[in-house]
Amino acid sequence: MRNNFFLVSVLYPALLLWYIEIHSLIFGKPAGISNIPGTYLFTLWIVFGLFFPLMFYYTKYITEVRSDGIYIHLVPLNLSSKKIPLYVVEDCKIKVYNPLTGKESDVSPDVSQSAKKVSPVVIIKLISGERMLLSSRKPEELCSAIKQATAEY
């Protein structure tokens, strides 16, 4: 969730509205927005200048491996977790995934250390043939926990 694209898409409008609000409080309204009411600007500042950056900052992607399944939760945006039962998990692998091209390859130290926009992900193959990509800061631990839980199930 700490991708530069998301960071720019949230911070650019926030900084622009902070500039407009500070400029309008100190110097009066900036040129080009003289016909917009102050309450409308204040509402935009609250929503895009405060609420969205705080929501972006506090959003977390949580993956838990429990005895009955894998739970995926996006806090605070989702009120419930998505459950993947362990009996549908067939295989678990760690691969390097490039989100720009959608290509994946085997993990190798020189690729992960390079300046490319790649990240190791855990790929779960389900018994239906579908594959799911789970992102994690520690993909080795997540994959070993999934393998251990499926072996015990």
C-alpha atoms as a PDB file:
ATOM      1  CA  MET A   1       0.000   0.000   0.000  1.00  0.00           C
ATOM      2  CA  ARG A   2       3.016   2.293   0.078  1.00  0.00           C
ATOM      3  CA  ASN A   3       3.306   2.554  -3.700  1.00  0.00           C
ATOM      4  CA  ASN A   4       4.608   5.845  -5.164  1.00  0.00           C
ATOM      5  CA  PHE A   5       1.650   6.072  -7.557  1.00  0.00           C
ATOM      6  CA  PHE A   6      -0.824   6.025  -4.665  1.00  0.00           C
ATOM      7  CA  LEU A   7       1.330   8.416  -2.694  1.00  0.00           C
ATOM      8  CA  VAL A   8       1.373  10.992  -5.517  1.00  0.00           C
ATOM      9  CA  SER A   9      -2.341  10.561  -6.254  1.00  0.00           C
ATOM     10  CA  VAL A  10      -3.191  11.325  -2.627  1.00  0.00           C
ATOM     11  CA  LEU A  11      -0.557  13.925  -1.760  1.00  0.00           C
ATOM     12  CA  TYR A  12      -0.828  16.119  -4.869  1.00  0.00           C
ATOM     13  CA  PRO A  13      -4.471  17.154  -4.299  1.00  0.00           C
ATOM     14  CA  ALA A  14      -3.797  17.438  -0.559  1.00  0.00           C
ATOM     15  CA  LEU A  15      -0.834  19.775  -1.029  1.00  0.00           C
ATOM     16  CA  LEU A  16      -2.729  21.817  -3.612  1.00  0.00           C
ATOM     17  CA  LEU A  17      -5.670  22.282  -1.231  1.00  0.00           C
ATOM     18  CA  TRP A  18      -3.356  23.085   1.688  1.00  0.00           C
ATOM     19  CA  TYR A  19      -1.743  25.782  -0.476  1.00  0.00           C
ATOM     20  CA  ILE A  20      -5.135  27.199  -1.471  1.00  0.00           C
ATOM     21  CA  GLU A  21      -6.409  27.214   2.126  1.00  0.00           C
ATOM     22  CA  ILE A  22      -3.284  28.842   3.566  1.00  0.00           C
ATOM     23  CA  HIS A  23      -3.166  31.379   0.745  1.00  0.00           C
ATOM     24  CA  SER A  24      -6.856  32.228   1.192  1.00  0.00           C
ATOM     25  CA  LEU A  25      -6.488  32.624   4.963  1.00  0.00           C
ATOM     26  CA  ILE A  26      -3.387  34.826   4.808  1.00  0.00           C
ATOM     27  CA  PHE A  27      -3.657  36.722   1.518  1.00  0.00           C
ATOM     28  CA  GLY A  28      -7.247  36.226   0.417  1.00  0.00           C
ATOM     29  CA  LYS A  29      -8.318  33.830  -2.291  1.00  0.00           C
ATOM     30  CA  PRO A  30      -5.716  32.947  -4.944  1.00  0.00           C
ATOM     31  CA  ALA A  31      -6.268  34.043  -8.535  1.00  0.00           C
ATOM     32  CA  GLY A  32      -8.619  31.808 -10.489  1.00  0.00           C
ATOM     33  CA  ILE A  33     -10.810  30.703  -7.603  1.00  0.00           C
ATOM     34  CA  SER A  34     -12.422  33.986  -6.640  1.00  0.00           C
ATOM     35  CA  ASN A  35     -15.925  32.789  -7.533  1.00  0.00           C
ATOM     36  CA  ILE A  36     -15.786  29.635  -5.323  1.00  0.00           C
ATOM     37  CA  PRO A  37     -17.414  30.039  -1.876  1.00  0.00           C
ATOM     38  CA  GLY A  38     -15.179  29.699   1.164  1.00  0.00           C
ATOM     39  CA  THR A  39     -17.312  26.946   2.698  1.00  0.00           C
ATOM     40  CA  TYR A  40     -16.901  24.859  -0.466  1.00  0.00           C
ATOM     41  CA  LEU A  41     -13.119  25.299  -0.357  1.00  0.00           C
ATOM     42  CA  PHE A  42     -13.098  24.431   3.342  1.00  0.00           C
ATOM     43  CA  THR A  43     -15.114  21.250   2.670  1.00  0.00           C
ATOM     44  CA  LEU A  44     -12.738  20.236  -0.133  1.00  0.00           C
ATOM     45  CA  TRP A  45      -9.796  20.873   2.182  1.00  0.00           C
ATOM     46  CA  ILE A  46     -11.341  18.682   4.922  1.00  0.00           C
ATOM     47  CA  VAL A  47     -12.050  15.819   2.493  1.00  0.00           C
ATOM     48  CA  PHE A  48      -8.987  15.884   0.205  1.00  0.00           C
ATOM     49  CA  GLY A  49      -6.515  17.718   2.427  1.00  0.00           C
ATOM     50  CA  LEU A  50      -7.114  15.897   5.712  1.00  0.00           C
ATOM     51  CA  PHE A  51      -9.383  12.836   5.382  1.00  0.00           C
ATOM     52  CA  PHE A  52      -7.805  11.117   2.335  1.00  0.00           C
ATOM     53  CA  PRO A  53      -4.156  11.524   3.467  1.00  0.00           C
ATOM     54  CA  LEU A  54      -5.032  10.256   6.954  1.00  0.00           C
ATOM     55  CA  MET A  55      -7.002   7.347   5.485  1.00  0.00           C
ATOM     56  CA  PHE A  56      -4.059   6.519   3.215  1.00  0.00           C
ATOM     57  CA  TYR A  57      -1.642   6.666   6.138  1.00  0.00           C
ATOM     58  CA  TYR A  58      -3.703   4.379   8.405  1.00  0.00           C
ATOM     59  CA  THR A  59      -4.704   1.820   5.751  1.00  0.00           C
ATOM     60  CA  LYS A  60      -3.082  -1.559   6.334  1.00  0.00           C
ATOM     61  CA  TYR A  61      -3.170  -4.817   4.402  1.00  0.00           C
ATOM     62  CA  ILE A  62      -3.205  -7.690   6.890  1.00  0.00           C
ATOM     63  CA  THR A  63      -2.814 -11.363   5.976  1.00  0.00           C
ATOM     64  CA  GLU A  64      -3.277 -13.937   8.737  1.00  0.00           C
ATOM     65  CA  VAL A  65      -2.790 -17.680   8.534  1.00  0.00           C
ATOM     66  CA  ARG A  66      -5.031 -19.475  11.014  1.00  0.00           C
ATOM     67  CA  SER A  67      -5.824 -23.141  11.568  1.00  0.00           C
ATOM     68  CA  ASP A  68      -8.940 -22.997   9.375  1.00  0.00           C
ATOM     69  CA  GLY A  69      -7.830 -20.661   6.592  1.00  0.00           C
ATOM     70  CA  ILE A  70      -6.016 -17.618   5.291  1.00  0.00           C
ATOM     71  CA  TYR A  71      -7.657 -14.321   6.241  1.00  0.00           C
ATOM     72  CA  ILE A  72      -7.089 -11.143   4.228  1.00  0.00           C
ATOM     73  CA  HIS A  73      -8.181  -7.830   5.700  1.00  0.00           C
ATOM     74  CA  LEU A  74      -7.823  -4.248   4.480  1.00  0.00           C
ATOM     75  CA  VAL A  75      -8.088  -2.044   7.570  1.00  0.00           C
ATOM     76  CA  PRO A  76     -10.089   0.313   7.955  1.00  0.00           C
ATOM     77  CA  LEU A  77     -11.724   0.087   4.514  1.00  0.00           C
ATOM     78  CA  ASN A  78     -13.208  -3.412   4.871  1.00  0.00           C
ATOM     79  CA  LEU A  79     -15.239  -4.328   7.915  1.00  0.00           C
ATOM     80  CA  SER A  80     -14.874  -8.069   7.334  1.00  0.00           C
ATOM     81  CA  SER A  81     -12.068 -10.387   6.302  1.00  0.00           C
ATOM     82  CA  LYS A  82     -11.901 -12.478   3.154  1.00  0.00           C
ATOM     83  CA  LYS A  83     -11.316 -16.101   4.039  1.00  0.00           C
ATOM     84  CA  ILE A  84      -9.506 -18.622   1.856  1.00  0.00           C
ATOM     85  CA  PRO A  85     -10.147 -22.078   3.337  1.00  0.00           C
ATOM     86  CA  LEU A  86      -7.041 -24.247   3.663  1.00  0.00           C
ATOM     87  CA  TYR A  87      -8.638 -27.200   1.910  1.00  0.00           C
ATOM     88  CA  VAL A  88      -8.722 -25.267  -1.394  1.00  0.00           C
ATOM     89  CA  VAL A  89      -5.006 -24.374  -1.287  1.00  0.00           C
ATOM     90  CA  GLU A  90      -2.993 -26.743  -3.472  1.00  0.00           C
ATOM     91  CA  ASP A  91       0.441 -25.101  -3.673  1.00  0.00           C
ATOM     92  CA  CYS A  92       2.325 -22.061  -2.382  1.00  0.00           C
ATOM     93  CA  LYS A  93       5.364 -20.467  -4.055  1.00  0.00           C
ATOM     94  CA  ILE A  94       7.377 -17.275  -3.802  1.00  0.00           C
ATOM     95  CA  LYS A  95       7.976 -15.492  -7.079  1.00  0.00           C
ATOM     96  CA  VAL A  96       9.098 -12.051  -8.204  1.00  0.00           C
ATOM     97  CA  TYR A  97       6.210 -10.073  -9.700  1.00  0.00           C
ATOM     98  CA  ASN A  98       6.431  -6.928 -11.819  1.00  0.00           C
ATOM     99  CA  PRO A  99       3.161  -4.995 -11.374  1.00  0.00           C
ATOM    100  CA  LEU A 100       3.779  -2.843 -14.462  1.00  0.00           C
ATOM    101  CA  THR A 101       4.001  -5.742 -16.910  1.00  0.00           C
ATOM    102  CA  GLY A 102       2.146  -8.426 -14.947  1.00  0.00           C
ATOM    103  CA  LYS A 103       5.016 -10.869 -15.479  1.00  0.00           C
ATOM    104  CA  GLU A 104       6.427 -13.138 -12.835  1.00  0.00           C
ATOM    105  CA  SER A 105       9.681 -15.028 -12.557  1.00  0.00           C
ATOM    106  CA  ASP A 106      11.531 -17.179 -10.082  1.00  0.00           C
ATOM    107  CA  VAL A 107      13.215 -15.494  -7.123  1.00  0.00           C
ATOM    108  CA  SER A 108      16.882 -14.715  -7.637  1.00  0.00           C
ATOM    109  CA  PRO A 109      19.071 -12.393  -5.533  1.00  0.00           C
ATOM    110  CA  ASP A 110      20.314 -10.265  -8.433  1.00  0.00           C
ATOM    111  CA  VAL A 111      16.774  -9.501  -9.687  1.00  0.00           C
ATOM    112  CA  SER A 112      15.425  -8.525  -6.274  1.00  0.00           C
ATOM    113  CA  GLN A 113      18.438  -6.306  -5.611  1.00  0.00           C
ATOM    114  CA  SER A 114      18.165  -4.465  -8.921  1.00  0.00           C
ATOM    115  CA  ALA A 115      16.510  -1.106  -9.420  1.00  0.00           C
ATOM    116  CA  LYS A 116      13.543  -2.623 -11.272  1.00  0.00           C
ATOM    117  CA  LYS A 117      10.054  -2.227  -9.867  1.00  0.00           C
ATOM    118  CA  VAL A 118       9.694  -5.845  -8.818  1.00  0.00           C
ATOM    119  CA  SER A 119       8.562  -7.285  -5.548  1.00  0.00           C
ATOM    120  CA  PRO A 120       8.490 -10.821  -4.181  1.00  0.00           C
ATOM    121  CA  VAL A 121       4.967 -12.139  -3.709  1.00  0.00           C
ATOM    122  CA  VAL A 122       3.424 -15.359  -2.477  1.00  0.00           C
ATOM    123  CA  ILE A 123       1.465 -17.130  -5.203  1.00  0.00           C
ATOM    124  CA  ILE A 124      -1.188 -19.540  -3.996  1.00  0.00           C
ATOM    125  CA  LYS A 125      -2.516 -22.110  -6.434  1.00  0.00           C
ATOM    126  CA  LEU A 126      -6.032 -23.252  -5.589  1.00  0.00           C
ATOM    127  CA  ILE A 127      -7.520 -26.677  -6.417  1.00  0.00           C
ATOM    128  CA  SER A 128      -9.806 -24.978  -8.956  1.00  0.00           C
ATOM    129  CA  GLY A 129      -6.728 -23.927 -10.949  1.00  0.00           C
ATOM    130  CA  GLU A 130      -6.990 -20.262  -9.977  1.00  0.00           C
ATOM    131  CA  ARG A 131      -3.974 -18.416  -8.641  1.00  0.00           C
ATOM    132  CA  MET A 132      -3.903 -15.677  -6.043  1.00  0.00           C
ATOM    133  CA  LEU A 133      -1.092 -13.225  -5.375  1.00  0.00           C
ATOM    134  CA  LEU A 134      -0.514 -12.206  -1.771  1.00  0.00           C
ATOM    135  CA  SER A 135       1.849  -9.374  -1.094  1.00  0.00           C
ATOM    136  CA  SER A 136       3.889  -9.403   2.091  1.00  0.00           C
ATOM    137  CA  ARG A 137       6.909  -7.706   3.607  1.00  0.00           C
ATOM    138  CA  LYS A 138       8.141 -11.152   4.656  1.00  0.00           C
ATOM    139  CA  PRO A 139       7.039 -13.528   1.883  1.00  0.00           C
ATOM    140  CA  GLU A 140       9.227 -16.406   3.124  1.00  0.00           C
ATOM    141  CA  GLU A 141       7.503 -16.424   6.517  1.00  0.00           C
ATOM    142  CA  LEU A 142       4.038 -16.183   4.949  1.00  0.00           C
ATOM    143  CA  CYS A 143       4.726 -19.035   2.520  1.00  0.00           C
ATOM    144  CA  SER A 144       6.160 -21.276   5.236  1.00  0.00           C
ATOM    145  CA  ALA A 145       3.167 -20.532   7.502  1.00  0.00           C
ATOM    146  CA  ILE A 146       0.747 -21.426   4.688  1.00  0.00           C
ATOM    147  CA  LYS A 147       2.636 -24.644   3.924  1.00  0.00           C
ATOM    148  CA  GLN A 148       2.687 -25.596   7.605  1.00  0.00           C
ATOM    149  CA  ALA A 149      -1.037 -24.857   8.043  1.00  0.00           C
ATOM    150  CA  THR A 150      -2.013 -26.834   4.935  1.00  0.00           C
ATOM    151  CA  ALA A 151       0.164 -29.769   6.063  1.00  0.00           C
ATOM    152  CA  GLU A 152      -1.575 -29.804   9.459  1.00  0.00           C
ATOM    153  CA  TYR A 153      -5.033 -29.491   7.892  1.00  0.00           C
END
